[in-house]
Amino acid sequence: MAARTSRPPLGHRPSYRCTECGWTTGKWLGRCPECQAWGTIEELGAPAVRTTAPGRVTTAALPIGQVDGRQATARSTGVPELDRVLGGGLVPGAVVLLAGEPGVGKSTLLLDVAAKASSTAARALYVTGEELAGQVRLRADRIGALSDHLYLAAETDLSAVLGHLDAVRPALLVLDSVQAVASPEIDGAPGGTAQVREVTGALLRAARERGMSTILVGHVTKDGAIAGPRLLEHLVDVVLHVEGDRHARLRLVRGVKNRFGTTDEVGCFELHDEGITGLADPSGLFLTRRDEPVPGTCLTVTLEGRRPLVAEVQALTVDSQLPYPRRTTSGLETSRVAMMLAVLKQRGKISQLGRRDVYTATVGGVKLTEPAADLAVALALASAACDTPLPKNLIAIGEVGLAGEVRRVTGVQRRLAEAARLGFAHALVPVDPGRIPAGMRVTEVADVGDALRPLPHRLRREVPAGDEPAATRRPDPARRPPTSGGRPPSARGSAWRTHVRRTSMAERRGGAVPTAETAQGPDTGPVPRAGRRSG
């Protein structure tokens, strides 16, 4: 008799849980849909039905107008550029997540912030989980971040970090990083989904109870997203991203989430050998100082948050030796540069761009992603293609559409005011720019043709002679072979078609154009075709 398989009693349903993130399900799966981990789902007992009874109220609910808001007053960090992004400073009890790529300057910035924010009445605690305490001390000596009220500890255990909080009682905690600290009560390696959630939750509760400002350093993935569960960004109050090219000095701190202020502000910093310093006027990093204008350069004003910055776009075009010309960009979106090339070729009648290698870049490592830089990119490409410099101190602002029209962008008056403050006197802007700063000459342009019209003549010419494709060029009558034997050209159609075909092929290959002697034989008639034996 075959053995019968025992079934669970009626009403009992097996449950499964992921050992990595704690996600539960009613059936077994090979891969957890929450944390994407393989082989981590195990069977548990039947989930107990739990109900929560009403409990004792810790604080009575009050009308919102009677709530004391002085407890949430921001305190300055001592770094004005970071205060700008935070909305005035650090709020007591708030948790800030600062993320960025390795080597971008996160630890250097926060060590400087911890030293400047510490005082007799407000101690600061810097906990490192990725370095030795001596290594952090050496960096503090280099950047001048030494303070008697700044405490340093190297820990990777969550319970030890909480013990330091009881001993030091800081007003500011900096943890570098949240992925390096683990709780012994939670299974999984440090940096895992369950560990990151537990560490963040514990520090969040400690910050709320003590009124302590907390800054957590977060890792990022290769795609630029914050490593760990998405829940991490929901738990914290502020999320900041540090951006910048590792080979450039400029660093930008952007606010992605801010419960105490706006996310439109951007902090500018300069990273150098002595540390990292804020830049109140960073436009000088994005410009090249020269006495005379150079072909292929154009200036524009971009908005980083609510801050206008003058940036320079550079373009270079050379004859291509490849079947498909190369397109290389740095600091600009490749798709928008390709769109500007198509608009200039079709609407601006500058066809030589299609057969040249095109290189475009920005100065100082700044990234121009907003459409307001389209007009500057188009003018830089046109200037480089015709090897003619644009007028000196020219600013171009506007979005360019596929039909060649120049559209309005936000903040034109703010951009013009910043350009006028830096001494620029001429600007190309879309129609109806609003109030114009005193001393600035503004030219309104409706399309690309209007933008090229006030520029040197070589930039707005039609397709130059000799630049059109050889296949569409009409044969020159002066190069037609002479008639032979008194016969008109119409009677020698075969010889004439052979001459046109050989001329077009030679021009495509860059060789010599066939002459009348090579296209036609002696007076007896046309040259016999290849492959045939002459009489």
Protein backbone atom coordinates (compact mmCIF):
# COMPACT_ATOMS: atom_id res chain seq x y z
CA MET A 1 0.00 0.00 0.00
CA ALA A 2 1.39 3.38 -0.97
CA ALA A 3 2.28 5.73 1.86
CA ARG A 4 0.00 8.69 2.24
CA THR A 5 1.41 12.18 2.42
CA SER A 6 0.42 13.96 5.61
CA ARG A 7 -1.36 17.22 5.04
CA PRO A 8 -1.43 20.20 7.36
CA PRO A 9 -4.58 20.50 9.42
CA LEU A 10 -7.45 22.48 8.04
CA GLY A 11 -6.93 26.20 8.51
CA HIS A 12 -3.15 25.91 8.79
CA ARG A 13 -1.27 27.50 5.91
CA PRO A 14 2.54 27.36 5.71
CA SER A 15 4.43 30.62 5.63
CA TYR A 16 7.86 31.44 4.18
CA ARG A 17 10.23 34.26 5.06
CA CYS A 18 13.37 35.69 3.48
CA THR A 19 16.30 35.45 5.88
CA GLU A 20 17.97 38.43 4.20
CA CYS A 21 15.28 41.11 4.31
CA GLY A 22 12.43 39.53 6.31
CA TRP A 23 9.89 39.52 3.44
CA THR A 24 7.13 36.93 3.95
CA THR A 25 5.02 35.00 1.46
CA GLY A 26 2.56 32.14 1.39
CA LYS A 27 4.55 29.96 -1.01
CA TRP A 28 8.17 29.09 -1.55
CA LEU A 29 10.17 31.00 -4.14
CA GLY A 30 13.72 30.59 -5.32
CA ARG A 31 14.37 34.33 -5.43
CA CYS A 32 13.12 36.98 -3.05
CA PRO A 33 11.14 39.64 -4.98
CA GLU A 34 12.01 42.27 -2.36
CA CYS A 35 15.83 42.07 -2.09
CA GLN A 36 16.47 39.93 -5.23
CA ALA A 37 18.51 37.39 -3.22
CA TRP A 38 18.57 33.71 -4.25
CA GLY A 39 17.99 30.78 -1.89
CA THR A 40 17.10 32.86 1.16
CA ILE A 41 13.41 31.92 1.56
CA GLU A 42 12.73 29.42 4.36
CA GLU A 43 9.55 27.92 5.74
CA LEU A 44 8.15 29.16 9.05
CA GLY A 45 5.24 28.16 11.16
CA ALA A 46 1.76 29.46 10.64
CA PRO A 47 1.72 33.23 11.08
CA ALA A 48 0.08 34.18 14.34
CA VAL A 49 -2.81 36.55 14.16
CA ARG A 50 -1.94 39.59 16.22
CA THR A 51 -4.03 42.55 17.21
CA THR A 52 -2.83 45.78 18.81
CA ALA A 53 -4.85 47.15 21.68
CA PRO A 54 -5.00 50.89 22.35
CA GLY A 55 -2.17 51.96 24.64
CA ARG A 56 -1.19 54.87 26.84
CA VAL A 57 -0.64 58.16 25.03
CA THR A 58 2.82 59.63 25.57
CA THR A 59 2.01 63.15 24.34
CA ALA A 60 -1.43 64.61 23.98
CA ALA A 61 -2.49 65.84 20.57
CA LEU A 62 -2.58 69.63 20.27
CA PRO A 63 -3.87 72.03 17.64
CA ILE A 64 -1.08 72.65 15.18
CA GLY A 65 -0.99 76.34 16.04
CA GLN A 66 -0.12 75.50 19.68
CA VAL A 67 2.81 73.22 18.86
CA ASP A 68 6.17 74.75 19.81
CA GLY A 69 8.26 75.02 16.65
CA ARG A 70 11.38 76.37 18.33
CA GLN A 71 12.61 72.84 18.98
CA ALA A 72 12.95 72.31 15.22
CA THR A 73 15.02 75.44 14.58
CA ALA A 74 17.96 74.71 12.28
CA ARG A 75 21.48 75.10 13.64
CA SER A 76 24.29 76.19 11.32
CA THR A 77 26.94 73.63 10.40
CA GLY A 78 29.66 76.25 9.95
CA VAL A 79 29.77 75.54 6.19
CA PRO A 80 27.58 78.10 4.35
CA GLU A 81 27.29 76.05 1.15
CA LEU A 82 25.98 73.03 3.07
CA ASP A 83 23.60 75.25 5.04
CA ARG A 84 22.23 76.50 1.72
CA VAL A 85 21.33 72.95 0.64
CA LEU A 86 19.96 71.94 4.05
CA GLY A 87 17.70 74.98 4.21
CA GLY A 88 19.55 76.85 6.95
CA GLY A 89 21.43 74.09 8.80
CA LEU A 90 20.87 70.89 10.78
CA VAL A 91 17.59 70.44 12.64
CA PRO A 92 17.86 68.74 16.07
CA GLY A 93 16.67 65.15 15.84
CA ALA A 94 16.95 65.05 12.03
CA VAL A 95 18.73 62.25 10.15
CA VAL A 96 20.58 63.19 6.95
CA LEU A 97 21.79 60.67 4.36
CA LEU A 98 24.78 61.80 2.28
CA ALA A 99 25.62 59.56 -0.70
CA GLY A 100 28.16 59.73 -3.50
CA GLU A 101 30.69 57.79 -5.50
CA PRO A 102 33.99 56.66 -3.91
CA GLY A 103 36.61 59.41 -3.82
CA VAL A 104 34.17 62.26 -4.39
CA GLY A 105 34.93 63.85 -1.00
CA LYS A 106 32.15 62.71 1.36
CA SER A 107 34.36 61.83 4.33
CA THR A 108 36.48 64.97 3.90
CA LEU A 109 33.43 67.21 3.83
CA LEU A 110 31.76 65.64 6.86
CA LEU A 111 34.95 65.68 8.92
CA ASP A 112 35.23 69.41 8.27
CA VAL A 113 31.55 69.87 9.15
CA ALA A 114 31.93 67.93 12.42
CA ALA A 115 34.91 70.06 13.46
CA LYS A 116 33.20 73.38 12.69
CA ALA A 117 29.86 72.40 14.24
CA SER A 118 31.40 71.24 17.52
CA SER A 119 31.55 73.60 20.48
CA THR A 120 31.52 73.58 24.26
CA ALA A 121 27.74 73.34 24.40
CA ALA A 122 27.43 70.97 21.41
CA ARG A 123 29.84 68.08 21.11
CA ALA A 124 30.30 66.17 17.87
CA LEU A 125 31.02 62.43 17.50
CA TYR A 126 32.59 61.04 14.32
CA VAL A 127 32.29 57.23 14.05
CA THR A 128 34.17 55.53 11.22
CA GLY A 129 33.56 51.96 10.22
CA GLU A 130 35.78 51.88 7.16
CA GLU A 131 39.04 53.43 8.43
CA LEU A 132 41.29 53.33 11.43
CA ALA A 133 41.14 56.19 13.90
CA GLY A 134 44.74 57.11 13.08
CA GLN A 135 43.90 57.47 9.38
CA VAL A 136 41.08 59.87 10.15
CA ARG A 137 43.41 61.84 12.42
CA LEU A 138 45.91 62.26 9.58
CA ARG A 139 43.18 63.61 7.31
CA ALA A 140 42.05 65.97 10.06
CA ASP A 141 45.61 67.32 10.35
CA ARG A 142 45.77 67.86 6.59
CA ILE A 143 42.49 69.78 6.29
CA GLY A 144 42.72 71.55 9.65
CA ALA A 145 39.71 69.82 11.24
CA LEU A 146 41.03 69.52 14.81
CA SER A 147 38.78 70.50 17.69
CA ASP A 148 38.77 69.71 21.41
CA HIS A 149 35.03 69.09 21.23
CA LEU A 150 35.18 66.61 18.31
CA TYR A 151 35.31 62.97 19.42
CA LEU A 152 36.48 60.14 17.18
CA ALA A 153 35.74 56.40 17.36
CA ALA A 154 36.24 53.44 15.03
CA GLU A 155 33.38 50.92 15.43
CA THR A 156 31.47 48.46 13.29
CA ASP A 157 29.09 47.16 15.98
CA LEU A 158 25.76 48.93 16.43
CA SER A 159 25.69 48.27 20.17
CA ALA A 160 29.14 49.89 20.54
CA VAL A 161 27.97 52.95 18.61
CA LEU A 162 24.96 53.31 20.92
CA GLY A 163 27.34 52.98 23.89
CA HIS A 164 29.44 55.87 22.58
CA LEU A 165 26.28 57.97 22.38
CA ASP A 166 25.62 57.38 26.08
CA ALA A 167 29.21 58.25 26.99
CA VAL A 168 29.77 61.35 24.83
CA ARG A 169 26.18 62.68 24.56
CA PRO A 170 26.87 64.53 21.29
CA ALA A 171 24.66 67.05 19.56
CA LEU A 172 25.92 65.83 16.17
CA LEU A 173 26.69 62.26 15.08
CA VAL A 174 28.49 61.44 11.84
CA LEU A 175 28.52 57.73 10.86
CA ASP A 176 30.79 56.70 7.99
CA SER A 177 29.19 54.59 6.75
CA VAL A 178 25.80 53.03 7.42
CA GLN A 179 26.71 49.98 5.28
CA ALA A 180 29.77 49.25 7.45
CA VAL A 181 27.91 48.90 10.77
CA ALA A 182 25.99 45.75 11.71
CA SER A 183 23.77 44.59 14.55
CA PRO A 184 24.64 41.25 16.21
CA GLU A 185 20.95 40.50 16.71
CA ILE A 186 20.21 40.46 12.97
CA ASP A 187 21.35 37.72 10.61
CA GLY A 188 23.20 38.74 7.48
CA ALA A 189 26.39 40.47 6.47
CA PRO A 190 26.99 44.20 7.05
CA GLY A 191 25.49 46.24 4.26
CA GLY A 192 22.67 43.77 3.65
CA THR A 193 19.07 44.83 3.44
CA ALA A 194 18.11 43.65 6.93
CA GLN A 195 21.25 45.10 8.54
CA VAL A 196 20.90 48.53 6.90
CA ARG A 197 17.27 48.72 7.93
CA GLU A 198 18.05 47.77 11.55
CA VAL A 199 21.01 50.17 11.89
CA THR A 200 19.09 53.07 10.37
CA GLY A 201 16.04 52.42 12.53
CA ALA A 202 18.09 52.26 15.73
CA LEU A 203 19.96 55.49 15.00
CA LEU A 204 16.73 57.19 13.97
CA ARG A 205 15.14 56.34 17.33
CA ALA A 206 18.24 57.53 19.18
CA ALA A 207 18.25 60.82 17.27
CA ARG A 208 14.58 61.46 18.05
CA GLU A 209 14.95 60.66 21.76
CA ARG A 210 18.11 62.73 22.29
CA GLY A 211 17.39 65.60 19.89
CA MET A 212 20.66 64.74 18.16
CA SER A 213 21.39 65.62 14.53
CA THR A 214 22.72 62.61 12.64
CA ILE A 215 24.50 62.40 9.28
CA LEU A 216 24.85 58.97 7.67
CA VAL A 217 27.21 58.28 4.78
CA GLY A 218 25.74 55.96 2.16
CA HIS A 219 27.32 53.94 -0.63
CA VAL A 220 26.09 54.03 -4.20
CA THR A 221 25.83 51.32 -6.83
CA LYS A 222 27.44 51.41 -10.26
CA ASP A 223 24.23 52.98 -11.60
CA GLY A 224 24.52 55.88 -9.14
CA ALA A 225 21.62 54.75 -6.90
CA ILE A 226 21.98 54.52 -3.12
CA ALA A 227 22.96 50.99 -2.09
CA GLY A 228 20.57 49.14 0.17
CA PRO A 229 16.79 49.06 0.41
CA ARG A 230 14.66 51.88 -0.88
CA LEU A 231 13.25 52.05 2.63
CA LEU A 232 16.48 53.77 3.72
CA GLU A 233 15.61 56.91 1.76
CA HIS A 234 12.08 56.89 3.18
CA LEU A 235 13.23 56.65 6.80
CA VAL A 236 15.65 59.59 6.79
CA ASP A 237 14.63 63.24 6.71
CA VAL A 238 17.11 64.59 4.17
CA VAL A 239 18.85 62.87 1.23
CA LEU A 240 21.87 64.60 -0.32
CA HIS A 241 23.97 63.53 -3.31
CA VAL A 242 27.57 64.57 -3.89
CA GLU A 243 28.41 64.83 -7.59
CA GLY A 244 31.58 65.62 -9.47
CA ASP A 245 34.22 64.28 -11.81
CA ARG A 246 37.11 62.66 -9.96
CA HIS A 247 39.54 64.47 -12.28
CA ALA A 248 37.97 67.91 -11.70
CA ARG A 249 37.98 70.20 -8.68
CA LEU A 250 34.27 71.01 -8.65
CA ARG A 251 31.88 69.14 -6.34
CA LEU A 252 28.13 69.73 -6.26
CA VAL A 253 25.90 68.76 -3.33
CA ARG A 254 22.27 68.37 -4.45
CA GLY A 255 19.22 67.90 -2.30
CA VAL A 256 17.03 65.00 -3.41
CA LYS A 257 14.73 64.97 -0.39
CA ASN A 258 14.37 67.59 2.33
CA ARG A 259 11.59 67.69 4.90
CA PHE A 260 12.80 71.03 6.28
CA GLY A 261 13.41 73.02 3.11
CA THR A 262 13.48 73.09 -0.66
CA THR A 263 15.37 70.73 -2.94
CA ASP A 264 16.11 73.45 -5.50
CA GLU A 265 19.37 74.56 -3.88
CA VAL A 266 22.82 73.29 -4.88
CA GLY A 267 26.01 73.68 -2.90
CA CYS A 268 29.27 74.21 -4.78
CA PHE A 269 32.59 73.05 -3.34
CA GLU A 270 36.18 72.92 -4.52
CA LEU A 271 38.24 69.86 -3.64
CA HIS A 272 41.98 70.48 -3.32
CA ASP A 273 45.01 69.22 -1.40
CA GLU A 274 44.11 71.15 1.76
CA GLY A 275 40.57 69.76 1.89
CA ILE A 276 37.25 70.92 0.54
CA THR A 277 36.01 74.51 0.63
CA GLY A 278 32.75 76.15 -0.37
CA LEU A 279 32.49 78.35 -3.44
CA ALA A 280 30.20 81.33 -3.09
CA ASP A 281 30.86 82.36 -6.73
CA PRO A 282 31.86 79.24 -8.72
CA SER A 283 31.37 80.69 -12.23
CA GLY A 284 35.11 81.25 -12.60
CA LEU A 285 35.69 77.48 -12.68
CA PHE A 286 33.55 77.09 -15.79
CA LEU A 287 35.18 79.76 -17.96
CA THR A 288 38.44 80.00 -19.89
CA ARG A 289 40.14 83.38 -19.69
CA ARG A 290 41.47 84.52 -23.07
CA ASP A 291 42.19 87.83 -24.76
CA GLU A 292 40.67 87.01 -28.16
CA PRO A 293 37.69 84.77 -29.01
CA VAL A 294 38.40 81.29 -30.37
CA PRO A 295 36.28 79.43 -32.95
CA GLY A 296 34.01 76.77 -31.47
CA THR A 297 33.34 78.39 -28.07
CA CYS A 298 30.13 79.89 -26.73
CA LEU A 299 28.97 80.95 -23.26
CA THR A 300 25.63 80.24 -21.61
CA VAL A 301 24.02 80.61 -18.18
CA THR A 302 22.68 77.45 -16.56
CA LEU A 303 20.56 77.12 -13.45
CA GLU A 304 21.79 74.69 -10.79
CA GLY A 305 18.76 74.65 -8.56
CA ARG A 306 18.04 78.35 -8.11
CA ARG A 307 21.65 79.44 -8.58
CA PRO A 308 22.69 80.79 -12.03
CA LEU A 309 26.13 79.73 -13.24
CA VAL A 310 27.95 80.97 -16.33
CA ALA A 311 29.39 78.00 -18.25
CA GLU A 312 31.38 77.62 -21.45
CA VAL A 313 30.62 75.16 -24.27
CA GLN A 314 33.45 74.13 -26.59
CA ALA A 315 33.19 72.34 -29.94
CA LEU A 316 35.76 71.06 -32.43
CA THR A 317 35.14 69.60 -35.89
CA VAL A 318 37.74 67.88 -38.08
CA ASP A 319 37.57 65.99 -41.36
CA SER A 320 36.69 62.37 -40.66
CA GLN A 321 38.71 59.46 -41.97
CA LEU A 322 36.02 56.96 -40.97
CA PRO A 323 32.93 55.79 -42.85
CA TYR A 324 30.81 56.93 -39.91
CA PRO A 325 32.08 60.19 -38.35
CA ARG A 326 32.80 60.15 -34.62
CA ARG A 327 30.62 61.99 -32.09
CA THR A 328 32.21 62.54 -28.66
CA THR A 329 30.72 64.54 -25.77
CA SER A 330 31.92 65.44 -22.28
CA GLY A 331 29.58 67.21 -19.86
CA LEU A 332 26.76 67.32 -22.43
CA GLU A 333 24.00 64.90 -23.36
CA THR A 334 24.89 62.99 -26.52
CA SER A 335 21.28 62.93 -27.71
CA ARG A 336 20.90 66.72 -27.51
CA VAL A 337 24.20 67.30 -29.31
CA ALA A 338 23.06 64.95 -32.09
CA MET A 339 19.78 66.88 -32.31
CA MET A 340 21.65 70.19 -32.64
CA LEU A 341 23.76 68.72 -35.47
CA ALA A 342 20.61 67.69 -37.33
CA VAL A 343 18.97 71.10 -36.82
CA LEU A 344 22.07 72.96 -38.06
CA LYS A 345 22.31 70.76 -41.14
CA GLN A 346 18.64 70.98 -42.09
CA ARG A 347 17.59 74.41 -40.80
CA GLY A 348 20.91 76.23 -40.67
CA LYS A 349 22.17 74.93 -44.05
CA ILE A 350 25.56 73.92 -42.63
CA SER A 351 25.99 70.56 -44.33
CA GLN A 352 29.70 70.01 -43.70
CA LEU A 353 28.96 68.88 -40.12
CA GLY A 354 27.64 65.57 -41.40
CA ARG A 355 31.03 64.50 -42.79
CA ARG A 356 33.24 65.61 -39.89
CA ASP A 357 34.20 64.23 -36.50
CA VAL A 358 32.53 66.36 -33.82
CA TYR A 359 33.85 66.80 -30.28
CA THR A 360 31.92 68.82 -27.68
CA ALA A 361 32.76 69.48 -24.03
CA THR A 362 32.22 71.83 -21.13
CA VAL A 363 34.86 73.62 -19.07
CA GLY A 364 35.51 72.81 -15.41
CA GLY A 365 33.67 69.49 -15.27
CA VAL A 366 30.19 71.04 -15.12
CA LYS A 367 27.34 69.00 -16.64
CA LEU A 368 24.81 70.86 -18.78
CA THR A 369 21.61 68.82 -18.97
CA GLU A 370 18.91 71.48 -19.18
CA PRO A 371 17.53 72.49 -22.63
CA ALA A 372 18.48 76.15 -22.03
CA ALA A 373 22.02 75.31 -23.26
CA ASP A 374 20.80 74.18 -26.72
CA LEU A 375 21.40 77.55 -28.39
CA ALA A 376 24.94 77.78 -27.02
CA VAL A 377 25.73 74.25 -28.25
CA ALA A 378 24.34 75.05 -31.71
CA LEU A 379 26.35 78.27 -32.02
CA ALA A 380 29.55 76.56 -30.83
CA LEU A 381 29.10 73.83 -33.45
CA ALA A 382 28.41 76.36 -36.20
CA SER A 383 31.43 78.42 -35.19
CA ALA A 384 33.68 75.35 -35.20
CA ALA A 385 32.37 74.12 -38.56
CA CYS A 386 33.11 77.43 -40.28
CA ASP A 387 36.27 78.17 -38.27
CA THR A 388 34.93 81.62 -37.33
CA PRO A 389 34.87 82.87 -33.73
CA LEU A 390 31.71 84.28 -32.21
CA PRO A 391 31.65 87.88 -31.00
CA LYS A 392 33.46 88.42 -27.72
CA ASN A 393 31.43 88.34 -24.46
CA LEU A 394 28.39 86.79 -26.18
CA ILE A 395 25.88 84.83 -24.05
CA ALA A 396 23.39 82.44 -25.69
CA ILE A 397 20.30 81.24 -23.82
CA GLY A 398 17.41 79.23 -25.25
CA GLU A 399 15.99 75.84 -26.10
CA VAL A 400 16.11 74.79 -29.77
CA GLY A 401 13.35 72.66 -31.26
CA LEU A 402 13.47 70.30 -34.23
CA ALA A 403 11.79 72.92 -36.41
CA GLY A 404 14.65 75.30 -35.63
CA GLU A 405 12.64 77.55 -33.34
CA VAL A 406 14.19 79.01 -30.18
CA ARG A 407 11.88 78.46 -27.21
CA ARG A 408 11.65 80.30 -23.93
CA VAL A 409 13.19 78.82 -20.78
CA THR A 410 12.65 79.50 -17.10
CA GLY A 411 14.60 82.12 -15.22
CA VAL A 412 15.74 84.24 -18.19
CA GLN A 413 15.88 87.43 -16.11
CA ARG A 414 17.91 85.70 -13.39
CA ARG A 415 20.33 84.38 -15.99
CA LEU A 416 20.75 87.78 -17.62
CA ALA A 417 21.34 89.42 -14.25
CA GLU A 418 24.14 86.96 -13.48
CA ALA A 419 25.72 87.53 -16.91
CA ALA A 420 25.56 91.30 -16.44
CA ARG A 421 27.12 91.00 -12.98
CA LEU A 422 30.13 89.20 -14.48
CA GLY A 423 30.60 91.86 -17.17
CA PHE A 424 28.99 90.28 -20.25
CA ALA A 425 27.34 92.89 -22.48
CA HIS A 426 25.60 90.97 -25.31
CA ALA A 427 23.10 88.11 -25.14
CA LEU A 428 21.00 86.10 -27.57
CA VAL A 429 17.70 85.14 -25.94
CA PRO A 430 14.24 83.91 -27.03
CA VAL A 431 11.47 86.36 -27.82
CA ASP A 432 10.02 88.37 -24.89
CA PRO A 433 12.76 87.87 -22.29
CA GLY A 434 11.25 90.27 -19.76
CA ARG A 435 13.14 92.95 -17.88
CA ILE A 436 16.67 93.48 -19.23
CA PRO A 437 19.56 94.48 -16.93
CA ALA A 438 21.00 97.92 -17.45
CA GLY A 439 24.02 98.08 -19.75
CA MET A 440 23.29 94.78 -21.53
CA ARG A 441 22.40 94.54 -25.22
CA VAL A 442 19.89 91.76 -25.82
CA THR A 443 19.03 90.33 -29.25
CA GLU A 444 15.77 88.39 -29.46
CA VAL A 445 15.89 85.41 -31.85
CA ALA A 446 12.92 83.36 -33.01
CA ASP A 447 14.80 80.52 -34.74
CA VAL A 448 18.27 79.28 -35.57
CA GLY A 449 18.38 81.45 -38.68
CA ASP A 450 17.90 84.57 -36.57
CA ALA A 451 20.63 83.39 -34.20
CA LEU A 452 23.10 83.00 -37.08
CA ARG A 453 22.12 86.24 -38.84
CA PRO A 454 23.85 88.80 -36.58
CA LEU A 455 27.00 86.67 -36.56
CA PRO A 456 29.84 86.81 -39.12
CA HIS A 457 28.82 86.12 -42.71
CA ARG A 458 30.65 82.82 -42.95
CA LEU A 459 28.39 81.31 -40.26
CA ARG A 460 25.09 81.98 -42.05
CA ARG A 461 25.99 81.17 -45.62
CA GLU A 462 24.17 78.56 -47.60
CA VAL A 463 25.75 75.27 -48.60
CA PRO A 464 29.17 76.29 -49.94
CA ALA A 465 30.15 75.38 -53.45
CA GLY A 466 31.90 72.05 -53.40
CA ASP A 467 30.39 70.97 -50.05
CA GLU A 468 27.37 69.19 -51.54
CA PRO A 469 27.65 65.43 -52.10
CA ALA A 470 29.35 64.48 -55.33
CA ALA A 471 26.45 62.21 -56.30
CA THR A 472 24.02 65.17 -56.39
CA ARG A 473 26.40 67.68 -57.98
CA ARG A 474 25.56 68.53 -61.59
CA PRO A 475 28.44 68.13 -64.08
CA ASP A 476 30.17 71.33 -65.13
CA PRO A 477 29.47 72.05 -68.83
CA ALA A 478 32.97 73.51 -69.15
CA ARG A 479 34.43 70.08 -68.41
CA ARG A 480 32.36 68.33 -71.07
CA PRO A 481 34.56 66.48 -73.57
CA PRO A 482 34.81 68.19 -76.95
CA THR A 483 32.85 66.87 -79.86
CA SER A 484 34.61 64.56 -82.28
CA GLY A 485 34.02 63.99 -85.93
CA GLY A 486 31.62 66.90 -86.12
CA ARG A 487 29.02 65.00 -84.11
CA PRO A 488 27.03 66.91 -81.46
CA PRO A 489 27.13 65.73 -77.80
CA SER A 490 23.61 64.32 -78.08
CA ALA A 491 24.86 61.85 -80.71
CA ARG A 492 27.58 60.67 -78.29
CA GLY A 493 25.34 59.89 -75.28
CA SER A 494 27.31 56.80 -74.26
CA ALA A 495 30.64 58.67 -74.08
CA TRP A 496 29.08 61.55 -72.12
CA ARG A 497 27.44 59.22 -69.56
CA THR A 498 30.75 57.40 -69.12
CA HIS A 499 32.52 60.70 -68.49
CA VAL A 500 29.92 61.78 -65.86
CA ARG A 501 30.10 58.42 -64.12
CA ARG A 502 33.91 58.43 -63.95
CA THR A 503 33.93 62.04 -62.75
CA SER A 504 31.54 61.28 -59.87
CA MET A 505 33.47 58.16 -58.84
CA ALA A 506 36.77 60.02 -58.86
CA GLU A 507 35.38 62.86 -56.75
CA ARG A 508 34.00 60.43 -54.16
CA ARG A 509 37.38 58.71 -53.87
CA GLY A 510 39.31 61.98 -53.82
CA GLY A 511 41.27 61.14 -56.96
CA ALA A 512 41.94 63.06 -60.15
CA VAL A 513 39.01 63.99 -62.33
CA PRO A 514 39.14 62.29 -65.79
CA THR A 515 40.09 64.68 -68.56
CA ALA A 516 38.80 64.81 -72.07
CA GLU A 517 41.70 62.62 -73.26
CA THR A 518 40.91 59.87 -70.73
CA ALA A 519 37.17 60.07 -71.26
CA GLN A 520 37.30 59.99 -75.06
CA GLY A 521 39.63 58.36 -77.54
CA PRO A 522 40.85 59.74 -80.85
CA ASP A 523 38.58 61.27 -83.41
CA THR A 524 37.34 57.85 -84.47
CA GLY A 525 34.82 57.75 -81.60
CA PRO A 526 34.38 56.96 -77.93
CA VAL A 527 36.66 54.68 -75.94
CA PRO A 528 35.43 51.05 -76.00
CA ARG A 529 34.01 49.73 -72.72
CA ALA A 530 36.11 47.57 -70.45
CA GLY A 531 35.80 43.87 -71.12
CA ARG A 532 35.16 44.28 -74.84
CA ARG A 533 37.74 43.69 -77.52
CA SER A 534 38.19 46.65 -79.85
CA GLY A 535 38.20 46.16 -83.61
